[in-house]
PDB file of N, CA and C in Angstrom:
ATOM      1  N   UNK A   1       0.486  -0.896   0.055  1.00  0.00           N
ATOM      2  CA  UNK A   1      -0.220  -0.217   0.035  1.00  0.00           C
ATOM      3  C   UNK A   1       0.734   1.217  -0.207  1.00  0.00           C
ATOM      4  N   UNK A   2       0.269   2.439  -1.046  1.00  0.00           N
ATOM      5  CA  UNK A   2       0.909   3.680  -1.058  1.00  0.00           C
ATOM      6  C   UNK A   2       1.783   4.194   0.607  1.00  0.00           C
ATOM      7  N   UNK A   3       2.499   4.545   0.748  1.00  0.00           N
ATOM      8  CA  UNK A   3       3.435   5.854   1.605  1.00  0.00           C
ATOM      9  C   UNK A   3       1.971   6.338   2.239  1.00  0.00           C
ATOM     10  N   UNK A   4       1.805   7.178   0.944  1.00  0.00           N
ATOM     11  CA  UNK A   4       0.755   8.471   0.790  1.00  0.00           C
ATOM     12  C   UNK A   4      -0.433   8.176   1.335  1.00  0.00           C
ATOM     13  N   UNK A   5      -1.144   7.196   2.022  1.00  0.00           N
ATOM     14  CA  UNK A   5      -2.542   7.163   2.012  1.00  0.00           C
ATOM     15  C   UNK A   5      -2.577   6.629   2.947  1.00  0.00           C
ATOM     16  N   UNK A   6      -3.608   7.133   3.731  1.00  0.00           N
ATOM     17  CA  UNK A   6      -3.772   6.971   5.623  1.00  0.00           C
ATOM     18  C   UNK A   6      -3.788   5.553   5.833  1.00  0.00           C
ATOM     19  N   UNK A   7      -3.630   4.673   6.960  1.00  0.00           N
ATOM     20  CA  UNK A   7      -4.503   3.474   7.324  1.00  0.00           C
ATOM     21  C   UNK A   7      -4.385   3.235   8.284  1.00  0.00           C
ATOM     22  N   UNK A   8      -5.531   2.021   8.813  1.00  0.00           N
ATOM     23  CA  UNK A   8      -6.003   2.380  10.056  1.00  0.00           C
ATOM     24  C   UNK A   8      -5.368   1.324  11.431  1.00  0.00           C
ATOM     25  N   UNK A   9      -5.056   1.353  11.815  1.00  0.00           N
ATOM     26  CA  UNK A   9      -3.540   0.070  12.749  1.00  0.00           C
ATOM     27  C   UNK A   9      -3.994   0.617  13.726  1.00  0.00           C
ATOM     28  N   UNK A  10      -4.325  -1.109  14.513  1.00  0.00           N
ATOM     29  CA  UNK A  10      -4.188  -1.443  15.846  1.00  0.00           C
ATOM     30  C   UNK A  10      -2.992  -1.383  16.681  1.00  0.00           C
ATOM     31  N   UNK A  11      -2.417  -0.534  17.603  1.00  0.00           N
ATOM     32  CA  UNK A  11      -1.725  -0.694  18.443  1.00  0.00           C
ATOM     33  C   UNK A  11      -2.324  -1.458  19.573  1.00  0.00           C
ATOM     34  N   UNK A  12      -1.428  -2.312  20.579  1.00  0.00           N
ATOM     35  CA  UNK A  12      -1.465  -3.517  21.457  1.00  0.00           C
ATOM     36  C   UNK A  12      -0.197  -3.068  22.210  1.00  0.00           C
ATOM     37  N   UNK A  13      -0.331  -2.598  23.835  1.00  0.00           N
ATOM     38  CA  UNK A  13       1.020  -3.314  24.582  1.00  0.00           C
ATOM     39  C   UNK A  13       0.613  -3.735  25.721  1.00  0.00           C
ATOM     40  N   UNK A  14       1.748  -3.890  26.302  1.00  0.00           N
ATOM     41  CA  UNK A  14       1.563  -4.462  27.438  1.00  0.00           C
ATOM     42  C   UNK A  14       3.210  -4.788  28.008  1.00  0.00           C
ATOM     43  N   UNK A  15       3.045  -3.525  29.211  1.00  0.00           N
ATOM     44  CA  UNK A  15       3.886  -2.967  29.059  1.00  0.00           C
ATOM     45  C   UNK A  15       4.696  -3.169  30.981  1.00  0.00           C
ATOM     46  N   UNK A  16       6.044  -3.343  31.790  1.00  0.00           N
ATOM     47  CA  UNK A  16       6.015  -4.299  32.619  1.00  0.00           C
ATOM     48  C   UNK A  16       5.899  -2.974  33.639  1.00  0.00           C
ATOM     49  N   UNK A  17       6.355  -1.861  33.509  1.00  0.00           N
ATOM     50  CA  UNK A  17       6.952  -1.076  34.482  1.00  0.00           C
ATOM     51  C   UNK A  17       5.962   0.504  34.787  1.00  0.00           C
ATOM     52  N   UNK A  18       5.100   0.107  35.759  1.00  0.00           N
ATOM     53  CA  UNK A  18       4.149   1.137  35.627  1.00  0.00           C
ATOM     54  C   UNK A  18       4.499   2.485  35.214  1.00  0.00           C
ATOM     55  N   UNK A  19       5.667   2.886  35.302  1.00  0.00           N
ATOM     56  CA  UNK A  19       6.223   4.821  34.990  1.00  0.00           C
ATOM     57  C   UNK A  19       6.227   4.881  33.393  1.00  0.00           C
ATOM     58  N   UNK A  20       6.826   3.450  32.983  1.00  0.00           N
ATOM     59  CA  UNK A  20       6.570   3.587  31.386  1.00  0.00           C
ATOM     60  C   UNK A  20       5.218   2.596  30.676  1.00  0.00           C
ATOM     61  N   UNK A  21       4.362   2.470  31.577  1.00  0.00           N
ATOM     62  CA  UNK A  21       2.999   2.166  31.143  1.00  0.00           C
ATOM     63  C   UNK A  21       2.324   3.386  30.511  1.00  0.00           C
ATOM     64  N   UNK A  22       2.549   4.554  31.608  1.00  0.00           N
ATOM     65  CA  UNK A  22       1.931   6.079  31.626  1.00  0.00           C
ATOM     66  C   UNK A  22       2.284   6.764  30.575  1.00  0.00           C
ATOM     67  N   UNK A  23       3.450   6.225  30.142  1.00  0.00           N
ATOM     68  CA  UNK A  23       4.537   7.143  29.375  1.00  0.00           C
ATOM     69  C   UNK A  23       3.805   6.523  27.757  1.00  0.00           C
ATOM     70  N   UNK A  24       3.716   5.348  27.248  1.00  0.00           N
ATOM     71  CA  UNK A  24       3.168   4.942  26.707  1.00  0.00           C
ATOM     72  C   UNK A  24       2.045   5.108  26.609  1.00  0.00           C
ATOM     73  N   UNK A  25       1.362   5.293  26.938  1.00  0.00           N
ATOM     74  CA  UNK A  25      -0.485   4.961  26.935  1.00  0.00           C
ATOM     75  C   UNK A  25      -0.694   7.287  26.815  1.00  0.00           C
ATOM     76  N   UNK A  26       0.006   7.652  27.449  1.00  0.00           N
ATOM     77  CA  UNK A  26       0.674   9.042  27.153  1.00  0.00           C
ATOM     78  C   UNK A  26       0.665   9.876  25.796  1.00  0.00           C
ATOM     79  N   UNK A  27       1.550   9.134  24.953  1.00  0.00           N
ATOM     80  CA  UNK A  27       1.743   8.946  23.514  1.00  0.00           C
ATOM     81  C   UNK A  27       1.154   8.975  22.334  1.00  0.00           C
ATOM     82  N   UNK A  28       0.289   7.319  23.379  1.00  0.00           N
ATOM     83  CA  UNK A  28      -0.741   7.334  21.997  1.00  0.00           C
ATOM     84  C   UNK A  28      -2.297   7.758  22.683  1.00  0.00           C
ATOM     85  N   UNK A  29      -2.248   8.147  23.210  1.00  0.00           N
ATOM     86  CA  UNK A  29      -3.506   9.045  23.883  1.00  0.00           C
ATOM     87  C   UNK A  29      -3.809  10.210  22.881  1.00  0.00           C
ATOM     88  N   UNK A  30      -2.323  10.563  23.001  1.00  0.00           N
ATOM     89  CA  UNK A  30      -2.463  11.690  21.635  1.00  0.00           C
ATOM     90  C   UNK A  30      -2.334  11.761  20.276  1.00  0.00           C
ATOM     91  N   UNK A  31      -2.244  10.468  20.146  1.00  0.00           N
ATOM     92  CA  UNK A  31      -2.591  10.002  18.617  1.00  0.00           C
ATOM     93  C   UNK A  31      -4.417   9.305  18.225  1.00  0.00           C
ATOM     94  N   UNK A  32      -4.214   8.762  19.312  1.00  0.00           N
ATOM     95  CA  UNK A  32      -5.277   8.052  18.685  1.00  0.00           C
ATOM     96  C   UNK A  32      -6.583   8.040  19.558  1.00  0.00           C
ATOM     97  N   UNK A  33      -7.280   6.322  19.233  1.00  0.00           N
ATOM     98  CA  UNK A  33      -8.557   6.854  20.835  1.00  0.00           C
ATOM     99  C   UNK A  33      -8.086   5.036  20.962  1.00  0.00           C
ATOM    100  N   UNK A  34      -8.499   5.253  22.257  1.00  0.00           N
ATOM    101  CA  UNK A  34      -8.576   4.308  22.956  1.00  0.00           C
ATOM    102  C   UNK A  34      -9.844   3.439  22.637  1.00  0.00           C
ATOM    103  N   UNK A  35      -9.421   2.169  22.816  1.00  0.00           N
ATOM    104  CA  UNK A  35     -10.252   1.064  22.331  1.00  0.00           C
ATOM    105  C   UNK A  35     -10.750   0.208  23.332  1.00  0.00           C
ATOM    106  N   UNK A  36      -8.894  -0.165  24.147  1.00  0.00           N
ATOM    107  CA  UNK A  36      -9.224  -0.691  25.954  1.00  0.00           C
ATOM    108  C   UNK A  36      -7.912   0.253  26.575  1.00  0.00           C
ATOM    109  N   UNK A  37      -7.942  -0.417  27.467  1.00  0.00           N
ATOM    110  CA  UNK A  37      -6.994   0.622  28.382  1.00  0.00           C
ATOM    111  C   UNK A  37      -5.581   0.669  27.534  1.00  0.00           C
ATOM    112  N   UNK A  38      -5.206  -0.568  27.243  1.00  0.00           N
ATOM    113  CA  UNK A  38      -3.712  -0.927  26.116  1.00  0.00           C
ATOM    114  C   UNK A  38      -4.318  -1.763  25.267  1.00  0.00           C
ATOM    115  N   UNK A  39      -5.321  -0.803  24.235  1.00  0.00           N
ATOM    116  CA  UNK A  39      -5.233  -1.033  22.703  1.00  0.00           C
ATOM    117  C   UNK A  39      -5.974   0.157  22.034  1.00  0.00           C
ATOM    118  N   UNK A  40      -5.134   0.663  21.482  1.00  0.00           N
ATOM    119  CA  UNK A  40      -5.503   2.244  20.634  1.00  0.00           C
ATOM    120  C   UNK A  40      -5.770   2.072  18.947  1.00  0.00           C
ATOM    121  N   UNK A  41      -6.320   2.487  18.347  1.00  0.00           N
ATOM    122  CA  UNK A  41      -6.524   3.184  17.339  1.00  0.00           C
ATOM    123  C   UNK A  41      -6.064   4.556  16.503  1.00  0.00           C
ATOM    124  N   UNK A  42      -5.400   3.762  15.692  1.00  0.00           N
ATOM    125  CA  UNK A  42      -4.753   5.200  14.968  1.00  0.00           C
ATOM    126  C   UNK A  42      -5.084   5.574  13.319  1.00  0.00           C
ATOM    127  N   UNK A  43      -5.167   6.637  12.959  1.00  0.00           N
ATOM    128  CA  UNK A  43      -5.151   7.051  11.192  1.00  0.00           C
ATOM    129  C   UNK A  43      -3.853   7.721  11.260  1.00  0.00           C
ATOM    130  N   UNK A  44      -3.423   6.914  10.159  1.00  0.00           N
ATOM    131  CA  UNK A  44      -2.383   7.708   9.611  1.00  0.00           C
ATOM    132  C   UNK A  44      -1.391   6.815   8.805  1.00  0.00           C
ATOM    133  N   UNK A  45      -0.566   8.091   8.231  1.00  0.00           N
ATOM    134  CA  UNK A  45      -0.217   7.561   7.107  1.00  0.00           C
ATOM    135  C   UNK A  45       1.237   6.669   7.600  1.00  0.00           C
ATOM    136  N   UNK A  46       2.004   5.872   6.710  1.00  0.00           N
ATOM    137  CA  UNK A  46       3.275   4.912   7.239  1.00  0.00           C
ATOM    138  C   UNK A  46       4.340   5.681   7.371  1.00  0.00           C
ATOM    139  N   UNK A  47       4.789   6.695   7.039  1.00  0.00           N
ATOM    140  CA  UNK A  47       5.611   7.385   7.874  1.00  0.00           C
ATOM    141  C   UNK A  47       5.419   7.691   8.973  1.00  0.00           C
ATOM    142  N   UNK A  48       4.626   8.188   8.974  1.00  0.00           N
ATOM    143  CA  UNK A  48       4.098   9.161  10.256  1.00  0.00           C
ATOM    144  C   UNK A  48       3.899   7.904  11.672  1.00  0.00           C
ATOM    145  N   UNK A  49       3.281   6.697  11.128  1.00  0.00           N
ATOM    146  CA  UNK A  49       3.047   6.129  12.114  1.00  0.00           C
ATOM    147  C   UNK A  49       4.476   4.915  12.676  1.00  0.00           C
ATOM    148  N   UNK A  50       5.451   4.956  11.360  1.00  0.00           N
ATOM    149  CA  UNK A  50       6.951   4.153  11.881  1.00  0.00           C
ATOM    150  C   UNK A  50       8.037   5.782  12.882  1.00  0.00           C
ATOM    151  N   UNK A  51       7.206   6.807  12.978  1.00  0.00           N
ATOM    152  CA  UNK A  51       7.905   7.634  13.809  1.00  0.00           C
ATOM    153  C   UNK A  51       7.540   7.496  14.743  1.00  0.00           C
ATOM    154  N   UNK A  52       5.759   7.266  15.372  1.00  0.00           N
ATOM    155  CA  UNK A  52       5.348   6.958  16.242  1.00  0.00           C
ATOM    156  C   UNK A  52       5.948   6.409  16.783  1.00  0.00           C
ATOM    157  N   UNK A  53       5.579   5.056  16.379  1.00  0.00           N
ATOM    158  CA  UNK A  53       6.729   3.311  16.651  1.00  0.00           C
ATOM    159  C   UNK A  53       7.841   3.544  17.411  1.00  0.00           C
ATOM    160  N   UNK A  54       8.798   4.562  17.144  1.00  0.00           N
ATOM    161  CA  UNK A  54      10.075   5.136  17.289  1.00  0.00           C
ATOM    162  C   UNK A  54      10.120   5.844  18.723  1.00  0.00           C
ATOM    163  N   UNK A  55       8.950   6.569  18.734  1.00  0.00           N
ATOM    164  CA  UNK A  55       8.684   7.270  19.931  1.00  0.00           C
ATOM    165  C   UNK A  55       8.485   6.725  21.176  1.00  0.00           C
ATOM    166  N   UNK A  56       7.535   4.861  20.587  1.00  0.00           N
ATOM    167  CA  UNK A  56       7.184   4.302  21.596  1.00  0.00           C
ATOM    168  C   UNK A  56       8.729   3.723  22.100  1.00  0.00           C
ATOM    169  N   UNK A  57       8.905   3.140  20.980  1.00  0.00           N
ATOM    170  CA  UNK A  57      10.411   2.606  21.261  1.00  0.00           C
ATOM    171  C   UNK A  57      11.311   3.166  22.358  1.00  0.00           C
ATOM    172  N   UNK A  58      11.558   4.125  22.357  1.00  0.00           N
ATOM    173  CA  UNK A  58      12.597   5.053  23.030  1.00  0.00           C
ATOM    174  C   UNK A  58      11.634   4.900  24.638  1.00  0.00           C
ATOM    175  N   UNK A  59      10.751   4.852  24.482  1.00  0.00           N
ATOM    176  CA  UNK A  59      10.048   4.596  26.211  1.00  0.00           C
ATOM    177  C   UNK A  59      10.135   3.135  26.826  1.00  0.00           C
ATOM    178  N   UNK A  60      10.696   1.846  25.557  1.00  0.00           N
ATOM    179  CA  UNK A  60      10.222   0.471  26.390  1.00  0.00           C
ATOM    180  C   UNK A  60      11.018  -0.043  26.950  1.00  0.00           C
ATOM    181  N   UNK A  61      10.900  -1.019  27.842  1.00  0.00           N
ATOM    182  CA  UNK A  61      12.230  -1.624  27.546  1.00  0.00           C
ATOM    183  C   UNK A  61      11.806  -3.143  27.207  1.00  0.00           C
ATOM    184  N   UNK A  62      13.015  -3.567  25.889  1.00  0.00           N
ATOM    185  CA  UNK A  62      12.838  -4.672  24.589  1.00  0.00           C
ATOM    186  C   UNK A  62      12.895  -5.923  25.490  1.00  0.00           C
ATOM    187  N   UNK A  63      13.501  -6.496  26.472  1.00  0.00           N
ATOM    188  CA  UNK A  63      13.737  -7.574  27.666  1.00  0.00           C
ATOM    189  C   UNK A  63      12.494  -7.644  27.957  1.00  0.00           C
ATOM    190  N   UNK A  64      11.692  -6.723  28.501  1.00  0.00           N
ATOM    191  CA  UNK A  64      10.076  -7.058  29.826  1.00  0.00           C
ATOM    192  C   UNK A  64       8.907  -6.590  28.352  1.00  0.00           C
ATOM    193  N   UNK A  65       9.022  -5.501  27.850  1.00  0.00           N
ATOM    194  CA  UNK A  65       7.644  -5.560  27.652  1.00  0.00           C
ATOM    195  C   UNK A  65       6.913  -5.015  25.922  1.00  0.00           C
ATOM    196  N   UNK A  66       5.849  -5.504  25.668  1.00  0.00           N
ATOM    197  CA  UNK A  66       5.487  -5.888  24.515  1.00  0.00           C
ATOM    198  C   UNK A  66       4.456  -5.066  23.606  1.00  0.00           C
ATOM    199  N   UNK A  67       5.062  -4.519  22.437  1.00  0.00           N
ATOM    200  CA  UNK A  67       4.459  -3.218  22.043  1.00  0.00           C
ATOM    201  C   UNK A  67       4.005  -4.384  20.667  1.00  0.00           C
ATOM    202  N   UNK A  68       2.267  -4.035  20.009  1.00  0.00           N
ATOM    203  CA  UNK A  68       2.555  -4.450  18.674  1.00  0.00           C
ATOM    204  C   UNK A  68       1.844  -3.847  18.137  1.00  0.00           C
ATOM    205  N   UNK A  69       2.070  -3.877  16.396  1.00  0.00           N
ATOM    206  CA  UNK A  69       1.127  -2.979  15.653  1.00  0.00           C
ATOM    207  C   UNK A  69       0.579  -3.709  14.681  1.00  0.00           C
ATOM    208  N   UNK A  70      -0.836  -3.353  14.057  1.00  0.00           N
ATOM    209  CA  UNK A  70      -1.868  -4.070  13.142  1.00  0.00           C
ATOM    210  C   UNK A  70      -2.308  -3.296  12.354  1.00  0.00           C
ATOM    211  N   UNK A  71      -1.964  -3.472  11.064  1.00  0.00           N
ATOM    212  CA  UNK A  71      -2.781  -2.318  10.044  1.00  0.00           C
ATOM    213  C   UNK A  71      -4.059  -3.481   9.815  1.00  0.00           C
ATOM    214  N   UNK A  72      -4.520  -2.286   9.120  1.00  0.00           N
ATOM    215  CA  UNK A  72      -6.179  -3.008   9.997  1.00  0.00           C
ATOM    216  C   UNK A  72      -7.006  -3.307   8.666  1.00  0.00           C
ATOM    217  N   UNK A  73      -7.734  -3.696   7.932  1.00  0.00           N
ATOM    218  CA  UNK A  73      -8.186  -4.034   6.579  1.00  0.00           C
ATOM    219  C   UNK A  73      -9.142  -3.315   6.465  1.00  0.00           C
ATOM    220  N   UNK A  74      -9.630  -2.779   5.605  1.00  0.00           N
ATOM    221  CA  UNK A  74     -10.976  -1.409   5.265  1.00  0.00           C
ATOM    222  C   UNK A  74     -12.502  -2.906   5.420  1.00  0.00           C
ATOM    223  N   UNK A  75     -11.787  -4.043   5.293  1.00  0.00           N
ATOM    224  CA  UNK A  75     -13.418  -4.488   5.005  1.00  0.00           C
ATOM    225  C   UNK A  75     -12.996  -5.805   6.320  1.00  0.00           C
ATOM    226  N   UNK A  76     -13.655  -5.388   7.354  1.00  0.00           N
ATOM    227  CA  UNK A  76     -13.360  -7.251   8.405  1.00  0.00           C
ATOM    228  C   UNK A  76     -14.444  -7.047   9.164  1.00  0.00           C
ATOM    229  N   UNK A  77     -14.768  -8.607   9.323  1.00  0.00           N
ATOM    230  CA  UNK A  77     -16.113  -8.429   9.943  1.00  0.00           C
ATOM    231  C   UNK A  77     -15.215  -8.241  11.868  1.00  0.00           C
ATOM    232  N   UNK A  78     -16.288  -8.292  12.669  1.00  0.00           N
ATOM    233  CA  UNK A  78     -15.858  -7.792  13.894  1.00  0.00           C
ATOM    234  C   UNK A  78     -17.024  -7.906  14.490  1.00  0.00           C
ATOM    235  N   UNK A  79     -16.765  -8.742  16.249  1.00  0.00           N
ATOM    236  CA  UNK A  79     -17.415  -9.404  17.129  1.00  0.00           C
ATOM    237  C   UNK A  79     -17.282  -8.368  18.331  1.00  0.00           C
ATOM    238  N   UNK A  80     -19.011  -7.894  19.204  1.00  0.00           N
ATOM    239  CA  UNK A  80     -18.041  -7.427  20.585  1.00  0.00           C
ATOM    240  C   UNK A  80     -18.937  -7.718  21.435  1.00  0.00           C
ATOM    241  N   UNK A  81     -18.300  -7.896  22.751  1.00  0.00           N
ATOM    242  CA  UNK A  81     -19.624  -8.579  23.630  1.00  0.00           C
ATOM    243  C   UNK A  81     -19.258  -7.460  25.092  1.00  0.00           C
ATOM    244  N   UNK A  82     -19.826  -7.601  25.845  1.00  0.00           N
ATOM    245  CA  UNK A  82     -19.799  -6.385  26.945  1.00  0.00           C
ATOM    246  C   UNK A  82     -19.589  -4.778  26.639  1.00  0.00           C
ATOM    247  N   UNK A  83     -19.329  -4.518  27.803  1.00  0.00           N
ATOM    248  CA  UNK A  83     -19.910  -2.988  27.951  1.00  0.00           C
ATOM    249  C   UNK A  83     -18.901  -2.455  26.845  1.00  0.00           C
ATOM    250  N   UNK A  84     -19.654  -1.683  25.682  1.00  0.00           N
ATOM    251  CA  UNK A  84     -18.798  -0.577  24.517  1.00  0.00           C
ATOM    252  C   UNK A  84     -18.221   0.691  24.493  1.00  0.00           C
ATOM    253  N   UNK A  85     -17.043   0.762  24.550  1.00  0.00           N
ATOM    254  CA  UNK A  85     -16.471   1.943  24.294  1.00  0.00           C
ATOM    255  C   UNK A  85     -17.289   2.891  23.614  1.00  0.00           C
ATOM    256  N   UNK A  86     -17.351   2.253  22.061  1.00  0.00           N
ATOM    257  CA  UNK A  86     -17.571   3.015  20.945  1.00  0.00           C
ATOM    258  C   UNK A  86     -19.523   3.218  21.266  1.00  0.00           C
ATOM    259  N   UNK A  87     -20.053   4.281  20.816  1.00  0.00           N
ATOM    260  CA  UNK A  87     -21.584   4.583  21.140  1.00  0.00           C
ATOM    261  C   UNK A  87     -22.419   3.460  19.510  1.00  0.00           C
ATOM    262  N   UNK A  88     -23.188   3.073  20.438  1.00  0.00           N
ATOM    263  CA  UNK A  88     -23.990   1.867  19.245  1.00  0.00           C
ATOM    264  C   UNK A  88     -23.921   2.441  17.842  1.00  0.00           C
ATOM    265  N   UNK A  89     -23.520   3.273  17.224  1.00  0.00           N
ATOM    266  CA  UNK A  89     -24.054   3.439  15.989  1.00  0.00           C
ATOM    267  C   UNK A  89     -22.952   3.751  15.286  1.00  0.00           C
ATOM    268  N   UNK A  90     -21.765   3.796  16.002  1.00  0.00           N
ATOM    269  CA  UNK A  90     -19.944   3.894  15.516  1.00  0.00           C
ATOM    270  C   UNK A  90     -20.076   2.865  14.864  1.00  0.00           C
ATOM    271  N   UNK A  91     -19.456   2.362  13.501  1.00  0.00           N
ATOM    272  CA  UNK A  91     -19.334   0.936  13.157  1.00  0.00           C
ATOM    273  C   UNK A  91     -17.520   1.384  13.106  1.00  0.00           C
ATOM    274  N   UNK A  92     -16.932   1.248  13.994  1.00  0.00           N
ATOM    275  CA  UNK A  92     -15.559   1.221  13.957  1.00  0.00           C
ATOM    276  C   UNK A  92     -15.264   0.720  12.213  1.00  0.00           C
ATOM    277  N   UNK A  93     -14.822   0.111  11.837  1.00  0.00           N
ATOM    278  CA  UNK A  93     -14.339  -0.709  10.326  1.00  0.00           C
ATOM    279  C   UNK A  93     -15.441  -0.798   9.276  1.00  0.00           C
ATOM    280  N   UNK A  94     -16.231  -0.286   9.507  1.00  0.00           N
ATOM    281  CA  UNK A  94     -17.223  -0.348   7.994  1.00  0.00           C
ATOM    282  C   UNK A  94     -17.680   1.242   7.623  1.00  0.00           C
ATOM    283  N   UNK A  95     -16.144   2.133   8.075  1.00  0.00           N
ATOM    284  CA  UNK A  95     -17.263   3.253   7.262  1.00  0.00           C
ATOM    285  C   UNK A  95     -17.135   4.446   8.946  1.00  0.00           C
ATOM    286  N   UNK A  96     -17.234   3.942   9.052  1.00  0.00           N
ATOM    287  CA  UNK A  96     -17.791   4.917  10.609  1.00  0.00           C
ATOM    288  C   UNK A  96     -16.522   5.810  11.581  1.00  0.00           C
ATOM    289  N   UNK A  97     -15.010   5.164  10.946  1.00  0.00           N
ATOM    290  CA  UNK A  97     -13.889   6.252  11.608  1.00  0.00           C
ATOM    291  C   UNK A  97     -14.032   7.460  11.644  1.00  0.00           C
ATOM    292  N   UNK A  98     -13.542   7.807  10.205  1.00  0.00           N
ATOM    293  CA  UNK A  98     -13.753   9.310   9.990  1.00  0.00           C
ATOM    294  C   UNK A  98     -15.120  10.024  11.294  1.00  0.00           C
ATOM    295  N   UNK A  99     -16.338   9.664  10.666  1.00  0.00           N
ATOM    296  CA  UNK A  99     -17.018  10.397  11.686  1.00  0.00           C
ATOM    297  C   UNK A  99     -17.049  10.390  13.335  1.00  0.00           C
ATOM    298  N   UNK A 100     -16.745   9.438  13.977  1.00  0.00           N
ATOM    299  CA  UNK A 100     -16.046   9.147  15.419  1.00  0.00           C
ATOM    300  C   UNK A 100     -14.770   9.973  15.637  1.00  0.00           C
ATOM    301  N   UNK A 101     -13.699   9.731  14.805  1.00  0.00           N
ATOM    302  CA  UNK A 101     -12.332  10.588  14.676  1.00  0.00           C
ATOM    303  C   UNK A 101     -12.941  12.409  14.636  1.00  0.00           C
ATOM    304  N   UNK A 102     -13.633  12.578  13.890  1.00  0.00           N
ATOM    305  CA  UNK A 102     -14.090  13.953  13.511  1.00  0.00           C
ATOM    306  C   UNK A 102     -14.704  14.426  14.828  1.00  0.00           C
ATOM    307  N   UNK A 103     -15.350  13.608  15.158  1.00  0.00           N
ATOM    308  CA  UNK A 103     -16.390  13.539  16.474  1.00  0.00           C
ATOM    309  C   UNK A 103     -14.972  14.122  17.838  1.00  0.00           C
ATOM    310  N   UNK A 104     -14.069  12.979  17.676  1.00  0.00           N
ATOM    311  CA  UNK A 104     -12.877  12.873  18.661  1.00  0.00           C
ATOM    312  C   UNK A 104     -12.503  13.974  18.501  1.00  0.00           C
ATOM    313  N   UNK A 105     -12.379  15.028  17.569  1.00  0.00           N
ATOM    314  CA  UNK A 105     -10.760  15.964  17.267  1.00  0.00           C
ATOM    315  C   UNK A 105      -9.489  15.281  17.126  1.00  0.00           C
ATOM    316  N   UNK A 106      -9.467  13.885  16.972  1.00  0.00           N
ATOM    317  CA  UNK A 106      -8.481  13.059  17.008  1.00  0.00           C
ATOM    318  C   UNK A 106      -7.536  13.143  15.405  1.00  0.00           C
ATOM    319  N   UNK A 107      -8.195  13.871  13.902  1.00  0.00           N
ATOM    320  CA  UNK A 107      -7.449  13.836  13.424  1.00  0.00           C
ATOM    321  C   UNK A 107      -6.426  14.875  13.434  1.00  0.00           C
ATOM    322  N   UNK A 108      -5.122  14.526  12.956  1.00  0.00           N
ATOM    323  CA  UNK A 108      -4.101  15.017  13.978  1.00  0.00           C
ATOM    324  C   UNK A 108      -3.618  15.544  12.203  1.00  0.00           C
ATOM    325  N   UNK A 109      -3.151  16.798  11.656  1.00  0.00           N
ATOM    326  CA  UNK A 109      -2.524  16.705   9.959  1.00  0.00           C
ATOM    327  C   UNK A 109      -1.210  15.786  10.502  1.00  0.00           C
ATOM    328  N   UNK A 110      -0.287  15.594   9.394  1.00  0.00           N
ATOM    329  CA  UNK A 110       1.047  15.753   9.088  1.00  0.00           C
ATOM    330  C   UNK A 110       1.453  16.874   8.879  1.00  0.00           C
ATOM    331  N   UNK A 111       3.277  16.719   9.139  1.00  0.00           N
ATOM    332  CA  UNK A 111       4.046  17.931   9.381  1.00  0.00           C
ATOM    333  C   UNK A 111       3.444  18.536   7.793  1.00  0.00           C
ATOM    334  N   UNK A 112       3.006  17.637   6.500  1.00  0.00           N
ATOM    335  CA  UNK A 112       2.729  18.544   5.624  1.00  0.00           C
ATOM    336  C   UNK A 112       1.638  18.949   5.241  1.00  0.00           C
ATOM    337  N   UNK A 113       0.933  19.178   6.275  1.00  0.00           N
ATOM    338  CA  UNK A 113      -0.323  19.099   6.231  1.00  0.00           C
ATOM    339  C   UNK A 113      -1.534  18.344   5.957  1.00  0.00           C
ATOM    340  N   UNK A 114      -0.924  17.435   5.643  1.00  0.00           N
ATOM    341  CA  UNK A 114      -2.529  16.586   5.667  1.00  0.00           C
ATOM    342  C   UNK A 114      -2.664  15.231   6.821  1.00  0.00           C
ATOM    343  N   UNK A 115      -3.606  14.538   6.390  1.00  0.00           N
ATOM    344  CA  UNK A 115      -4.114  13.326   7.811  1.00  0.00           C
ATOM    345  C   UNK A 115      -2.938  12.561   7.921  1.00  0.00           C
TER     346      UNK A 115
END
């Protein structure tokens, strides 16, 4: 996929130390939307994603912590059980991302002014 097109990514983490956990959480909270406490979605171009992952890498200890990033396909089936973070009418993976991010104010332009 072209670097110029924004993608939807899922970033999950398991951080051993509370201080590092807080730092990683704060970094991701500025860039994306929390799905659960240690799982975020972000919409951004690949170069910006790589910079985000570099910032996270500076905060973790690779021998103790685990951070994973997955690009999500545009069309995917999902199932949710229990109390949901997102309102019932927001379909995260079927076109509702733009609405959700627009409402939350989390679309932050890249340095070149694009999302």
